[in-house]
Amino acid sequence: MAELGTRLKEARLSKGYSLDDLQEITKIQKRYLVGIEEGNYSIMPGTFYVRAFIKQYAEAVGLNADELLEEFKGEIPNSQPEDVAQSISYSSTRRSISSRSSSRMMETMPKVIVALFIVVIIAVIWFLYSQKVQNTPEEVEDDPAQLEYVQKPTPTENTPNNGDEENSDSVEAPPVDEEPVDEETVTQTISPGEVQSDGITTIYELSGAEAMNIRVEVSGDTWVSIRNENGEEQVTDRVYKASEVVEHDSTENGYARIRLGNANYAKVFVNDEEIEYTLAPTEPGKSTQNIIITFSQEQ
């Protein structure tokens, strides 16, 4: 194994990344990452990509890419003109893919905004109506059957007589008790996690809620990815640093797949309720975790 490859592999292991995690971070195929660690540059698509891939690898594991390339320039093959042309084509393709992804996001955003606007209007109308019902007193109509003529009692030894006949003849109506308005309280429920056969994937079901807001709080370097049921990115897939917070409203999707590259440094919340999951170490010092949440909206 080449000394450069050894240096990069040690840095990767110290970060707790597997080759699969690094492939997601750098978007470089796993076989090229293995070739870099083993010093086998012959499998690369061109000499230009050797330097480009090494630089991406180094930046992902926290090394100074420029210093590393300068130190080991004797091990790295020099770029040829045709390789530069290939790199330009490769960059154009990457930009085209990124442009298509941004276009899909721009098409989706107006729908999300309209849906949220409708939900807000419905909530305001319901609130105003409930306040009106609570503040409107019940009208009581005079019912002849409820009116009683009170006959003046005959004075006795135990019955005082003050001579006030006007007070003795009166009409009284029984008090009307107002019944409180019952309001139905909706409490969200998150089902116990169902661990899949791979040991790192757990499925939960959310019900009894009006929304599904995902929040991931990061306390150390860890890879975070949130995708919908079609595998499309909902947030930027990358390594997040300590104190960073990743948030996404997955209400419209009704589905969220969260992947944590180092779950020891991440907490997942759904509508401010923390998801409890059991860590399943895949390599010493790290734990990759997949969390799938489905949203069961009541009709």
Protein backbone atom coordinates (compact mmCIF):
# COMPACT_ATOMS: atom_id res chain seq x y z
CA MET A 1 0.00 0.00 0.00
CA ALA A 2 1.35 3.48 -0.92
CA GLU A 3 2.29 5.90 1.86
CA LEU A 4 -0.23 8.46 0.59
CA GLY A 5 -3.02 5.86 0.63
CA THR A 6 -2.03 4.81 4.15
CA ARG A 7 -2.20 8.43 5.35
CA LEU A 8 -5.66 8.91 3.85
CA LYS A 9 -7.01 5.62 5.21
CA GLU A 10 -5.80 6.42 8.73
CA ALA A 11 -7.53 9.81 8.57
CA ARG A 12 -10.75 8.15 7.35
CA LEU A 13 -10.74 5.61 10.18
CA SER A 14 -10.06 8.33 12.76
CA LYS A 15 -13.21 10.11 11.53
CA GLY A 16 -15.19 6.88 11.88
CA TYR A 17 -16.17 6.74 8.20
CA SER A 18 -16.63 3.57 6.20
CA LEU A 19 -15.91 3.50 2.45
CA ASP A 20 -19.67 3.60 1.88
CA ASP A 21 -19.96 6.76 3.99
CA LEU A 22 -17.06 8.37 2.12
CA GLN A 23 -18.66 7.45 -1.20
CA GLU A 24 -21.82 9.33 -0.19
CA ILE A 25 -19.82 12.34 1.04
CA THR A 26 -17.49 12.72 -1.97
CA LYS A 27 -19.73 11.16 -4.68
CA ILE A 28 -16.65 9.17 -5.79
CA GLN A 29 -17.24 5.51 -6.61
CA LYS A 30 -16.09 3.11 -3.90
CA ARG A 31 -13.70 1.25 -6.23
CA TYR A 32 -11.81 4.48 -6.94
CA LEU A 33 -11.55 5.17 -3.19
CA VAL A 34 -10.08 1.69 -2.70
CA GLY A 35 -7.64 2.34 -5.58
CA ILE A 36 -6.46 5.57 -3.92
CA GLU A 37 -5.85 3.81 -0.58
CA GLU A 38 -3.97 0.98 -2.30
CA GLY A 39 -2.02 3.31 -4.62
CA ASN A 40 -3.57 1.60 -7.67
CA TYR A 41 -4.12 4.61 -9.93
CA SER A 42 -4.41 2.52 -13.09
CA ILE A 43 -8.14 1.96 -12.51
CA MET A 44 -8.84 5.71 -12.61
CA PRO A 45 -10.58 7.16 -15.70
CA GLY A 46 -7.59 9.47 -16.25
CA THR A 47 -4.57 10.98 -14.52
CA PHE A 48 -6.40 14.26 -13.93
CA TYR A 49 -9.02 12.44 -11.86
CA VAL A 50 -6.29 10.96 -9.64
CA ARG A 51 -5.39 14.40 -8.27
CA ALA A 52 -9.03 15.56 -8.16
CA PHE A 53 -10.22 12.45 -6.29
CA ILE A 54 -7.30 12.58 -3.83
CA LYS A 55 -8.09 16.22 -3.10
CA GLN A 56 -11.78 15.44 -2.47
CA TYR A 57 -10.83 12.45 -0.28
CA ALA A 58 -8.40 14.57 1.80
CA GLU A 59 -10.89 17.41 2.34
CA ALA A 60 -13.61 14.94 3.43
CA VAL A 61 -11.40 13.44 6.17
CA GLY A 62 -10.06 16.80 7.39
CA LEU A 63 -6.59 16.88 5.78
CA ASN A 64 -4.95 19.78 3.92
CA ALA A 65 -5.30 18.66 0.33
CA ASP A 66 -2.75 21.08 -1.19
CA GLU A 67 -0.02 20.18 1.32
CA LEU A 68 -0.74 16.47 0.84
CA LEU A 69 -0.52 16.70 -2.96
CA GLU A 70 2.75 18.63 -2.73
CA GLU A 71 4.25 16.16 -0.24
CA PHE A 72 3.44 13.10 -2.32
CA LYS A 73 3.70 14.57 -5.81
CA GLY A 74 6.29 11.91 -6.64
CA GLU A 75 3.64 9.16 -6.20
CA ILE A 76 0.91 10.90 -8.20
CA PRO A 77 0.97 10.71 -12.03
CA ASN A 78 1.04 14.02 -13.92
CA SER A 79 -2.07 15.24 -15.74
CA GLN A 80 -2.18 15.00 -19.54
CA PRO A 81 -3.97 17.52 -21.82
CA GLU A 82 -6.61 14.98 -22.80
CA ASP A 83 -7.36 14.39 -19.11
CA VAL A 84 -8.03 18.10 -18.65
CA ALA A 85 -10.54 17.96 -21.50
CA GLN A 86 -12.23 14.97 -19.83
CA SER A 87 -12.41 16.85 -16.53
CA ILE A 88 -14.16 19.78 -18.21
CA SER A 89 -16.74 17.39 -19.64
CA TYR A 90 -17.12 15.72 -16.22
CA SER A 91 -17.66 19.10 -14.50
CA SER A 92 -20.27 20.10 -17.08
CA THR A 93 -22.16 16.89 -16.45
CA ARG A 94 -22.08 17.48 -12.69
CA ARG A 95 -23.42 21.01 -13.17
CA SER A 96 -26.20 19.71 -15.42
CA ILE A 97 -27.26 17.17 -12.79
CA SER A 98 -27.18 19.83 -10.08
CA SER A 99 -29.26 22.17 -12.27
CA ARG A 100 -31.91 19.50 -12.79
CA SER A 101 -32.08 18.86 -9.04
CA SER A 102 -32.50 22.58 -8.33
CA SER A 103 -35.20 22.79 -11.00
CA ARG A 104 -37.18 19.98 -9.34
CA MET A 105 -36.88 21.75 -6.01
CA MET A 106 -38.15 25.02 -7.49
CA GLU A 107 -41.15 23.19 -8.98
CA THR A 108 -42.00 21.61 -5.62
CA MET A 109 -41.66 24.73 -3.45
CA PRO A 110 -44.81 26.56 -4.73
CA LYS A 111 -46.90 23.47 -3.95
CA VAL A 112 -45.49 23.29 -0.45
CA ILE A 113 -46.13 27.00 0.14
CA VAL A 114 -49.75 26.75 -1.10
CA ALA A 115 -50.38 23.70 1.12
CA LEU A 116 -48.98 25.46 4.18
CA PHE A 117 -51.04 28.58 3.39
CA ILE A 118 -54.25 26.49 3.22
CA VAL A 119 -53.41 24.75 6.52
CA VAL A 120 -52.84 28.13 8.22
CA ILE A 121 -56.17 29.51 6.92
CA ILE A 122 -58.07 26.42 8.17
CA ALA A 123 -56.38 26.66 11.56
CA VAL A 124 -57.27 30.37 11.92
CA ILE A 125 -60.92 29.76 10.94
CA TRP A 126 -61.23 26.88 13.41
CA PHE A 127 -59.67 28.97 16.20
CA LEU A 128 -62.00 31.95 15.61
CA TYR A 129 -65.05 29.68 15.45
CA SER A 130 -64.17 27.91 18.72
CA GLN A 131 -63.63 31.27 20.45
CA LYS A 132 -67.03 32.49 19.21
CA VAL A 133 -68.76 29.35 20.51
CA GLN A 134 -67.15 29.72 23.94
CA ASN A 135 -68.00 33.42 24.27
CA THR A 136 -71.67 33.20 23.10
CA PRO A 137 -74.08 32.77 26.09
CA GLU A 138 -76.93 30.33 25.71
CA GLU A 139 -80.31 32.01 25.26
CA VAL A 140 -83.05 30.75 27.55
CA GLU A 141 -86.62 31.19 26.37
CA ASP A 142 -89.41 31.67 28.85
CA ASP A 143 -91.19 28.38 29.27
CA PRO A 144 -94.68 28.64 30.77
CA ALA A 145 -94.21 25.21 32.29
CA GLN A 146 -91.28 26.52 34.30
CA LEU A 147 -93.25 29.43 35.82
CA GLU A 148 -94.88 28.70 39.16
CA TYR A 149 -97.24 30.75 41.16
CA VAL A 150 -96.07 30.86 44.75
CA GLN A 151 -99.04 31.07 47.11
CA LYS A 152 -98.65 33.17 50.19
CA PRO A 153 -98.30 30.76 53.11
CA THR A 154 -100.70 30.90 56.02
CA PRO A 155 -99.02 32.51 59.01
CA THR A 156 -98.17 30.07 61.76
CA GLU A 157 -96.09 30.17 64.87
CA ASN A 158 -93.03 29.12 62.90
CA THR A 159 -93.74 31.26 59.84
CA PRO A 160 -92.87 34.95 60.16
CA ASN A 161 -95.28 37.44 58.56
CA ASN A 162 -93.88 40.82 57.71
CA GLY A 163 -97.04 41.99 55.94
CA ASP A 164 -95.27 42.43 52.62
CA GLU A 165 -97.68 40.81 50.14
CA GLU A 166 -95.72 41.99 47.14
CA ASN A 167 -92.74 39.87 48.14
CA SER A 168 -94.92 36.82 48.88
CA ASP A 169 -96.28 36.56 45.33
CA SER A 170 -93.34 36.02 43.00
CA VAL A 171 -92.41 34.18 39.85
CA GLU A 172 -89.09 32.38 39.87
CA ALA A 173 -87.29 30.59 37.01
CA PRO A 174 -84.83 27.80 37.78
CA PRO A 175 -81.17 28.63 37.03
CA VAL A 176 -79.77 27.29 33.80
CA ASP A 177 -76.41 25.59 34.00
CA GLU A 178 -74.15 26.13 31.03
CA GLU A 179 -72.55 22.92 29.84
CA PRO A 180 -68.82 23.24 29.04
CA VAL A 181 -67.81 22.78 25.43
CA ASP A 182 -65.75 19.64 25.07
CA GLU A 183 -62.70 20.05 22.90
CA GLU A 184 -61.06 16.96 21.49
CA THR A 185 -57.40 16.74 22.34
CA VAL A 186 -55.17 15.17 19.68
CA THR A 187 -51.94 13.59 20.88
CA GLN A 188 -49.33 12.32 18.44
CA THR A 189 -48.10 8.74 18.71
CA ILE A 190 -44.82 7.29 17.47
CA SER A 191 -44.85 3.51 17.18
CA PRO A 192 -42.04 1.43 18.72
CA GLY A 193 -39.17 1.11 16.28
CA GLU A 194 -39.10 -2.02 14.12
CA VAL A 195 -35.47 -3.03 13.56
CA GLN A 196 -34.81 -4.53 10.13
CA SER A 197 -32.64 -7.55 9.33
CA ASP A 198 -29.58 -5.42 8.48
CA GLY A 199 -29.38 -4.33 12.13
CA ILE A 200 -28.95 -0.60 11.35
CA THR A 201 -32.36 0.29 9.90
CA THR A 202 -35.33 1.05 12.16
CA ILE A 203 -38.85 1.91 10.95
CA TYR A 204 -41.28 4.12 12.91
CA GLU A 205 -44.87 5.23 12.21
CA LEU A 206 -46.17 8.68 13.23
CA SER A 207 -49.92 9.13 13.81
CA GLY A 208 -52.28 11.51 15.58
CA ALA A 209 -50.37 14.60 14.40
CA GLU A 210 -51.09 17.39 11.92
CA ALA A 211 -47.50 17.67 10.68
CA MET A 212 -44.19 15.78 10.50
CA ASN A 213 -41.31 18.15 11.22
CA ILE A 214 -37.89 16.46 11.35
CA ARG A 215 -35.02 17.94 13.38
CA VAL A 216 -31.52 16.46 13.80
CA GLU A 217 -29.26 18.02 16.46
CA VAL A 218 -25.56 17.30 15.88
CA SER A 219 -23.01 17.24 18.73
CA GLY A 220 -19.98 16.06 16.72
CA ASP A 221 -18.85 15.44 13.13
CA THR A 222 -21.42 13.13 11.51
CA TRP A 223 -22.89 12.54 8.07
CA VAL A 224 -26.62 13.49 7.85
CA SER A 225 -28.94 12.73 4.95
CA ILE A 226 -32.74 13.15 4.69
CA ARG A 227 -34.47 11.72 1.60
CA ASN A 228 -38.06 11.14 0.52
CA GLU A 229 -39.62 7.86 -0.63
CA ASN A 230 -38.21 8.37 -4.14
CA GLY A 231 -34.68 8.77 -2.78
CA GLU A 232 -34.54 12.50 -3.54
CA GLU A 233 -32.46 14.79 -1.29
CA GLN A 234 -34.55 16.93 1.06
CA VAL A 235 -31.56 18.64 2.70
CA THR A 236 -27.92 18.92 1.64
CA ASP A 237 -26.15 15.57 2.22
CA ARG A 238 -22.87 16.31 3.99
CA VAL A 239 -20.87 16.06 7.20
CA TYR A 240 -22.38 18.38 9.81
CA LYS A 241 -20.35 19.84 12.65
CA ALA A 242 -21.09 20.08 16.39
CA SER A 243 -24.00 22.44 17.32
CA GLU A 244 -25.42 22.39 13.77
CA VAL A 245 -29.14 21.61 13.41
CA VAL A 246 -30.74 19.98 10.35
CA GLU A 247 -34.49 20.61 9.88
CA HIS A 248 -37.07 19.58 7.27
CA ASP A 249 -40.88 19.61 7.02
CA SER A 250 -41.77 16.15 5.69
CA THR A 251 -45.55 16.58 6.13
CA GLU A 252 -46.34 16.60 2.41
CA ASN A 253 -44.08 13.63 1.66
CA GLY A 254 -45.49 11.55 4.52
CA TYR A 255 -42.15 9.74 4.55
CA ALA A 256 -38.58 10.47 5.63
CA ARG A 257 -35.41 8.35 5.48
CA ILE A 258 -32.70 9.70 7.77
CA ARG A 259 -29.15 8.33 7.51
CA LEU A 260 -26.60 9.12 10.20
CA GLY A 261 -22.94 8.37 9.48
CA ASN A 262 -22.00 8.55 13.16
CA ALA A 263 -25.23 8.28 15.18
CA ASN A 264 -23.39 8.67 18.50
CA TYR A 265 -23.24 12.40 17.76
CA ALA A 266 -26.84 12.96 16.62
CA LYS A 267 -30.32 13.18 18.15
CA VAL A 268 -33.46 12.90 15.99
CA PHE A 269 -36.73 14.68 16.87
CA VAL A 270 -40.19 14.44 15.29
CA ASN A 271 -42.45 17.39 16.19
CA ASP A 272 -40.07 18.08 19.13
CA GLU A 273 -40.38 14.46 20.41
CA GLU A 274 -37.06 12.60 20.47
CA ILE A 275 -36.80 9.28 18.64
CA GLU A 276 -35.18 6.59 20.79
CA TYR A 277 -33.13 4.04 18.83
CA THR A 278 -30.57 1.37 19.64
CA LEU A 279 -27.14 1.93 18.14
CA ALA A 280 -25.69 -0.99 16.15
CA PRO A 281 -21.90 -0.45 15.67
CA THR A 282 -20.73 -1.31 12.18
CA GLU A 283 -17.05 -0.47 12.77
CA PRO A 284 -15.01 0.25 15.93
CA GLY A 285 -15.73 3.78 17.19
CA LYS A 286 -18.66 4.57 14.88
CA SER A 287 -22.26 3.63 14.25
CA THR A 288 -24.22 4.07 11.04
CA GLN A 289 -27.98 4.33 11.57
CA ASN A 290 -30.91 4.45 9.12
CA ILE A 291 -34.20 5.80 10.52
CA ILE A 292 -37.36 5.55 8.39
CA ILE A 293 -40.50 7.45 9.52
CA THR A 294 -43.88 7.10 7.83
CA PHE A 295 -46.71 9.56 8.51
CA SER A 296 -50.23 8.15 8.93
CA GLN A 297 -52.56 11.12 8.52
CA GLU A 298 -56.08 10.63 9.88
CA GLN A 299 -58.88 11.44 7.46
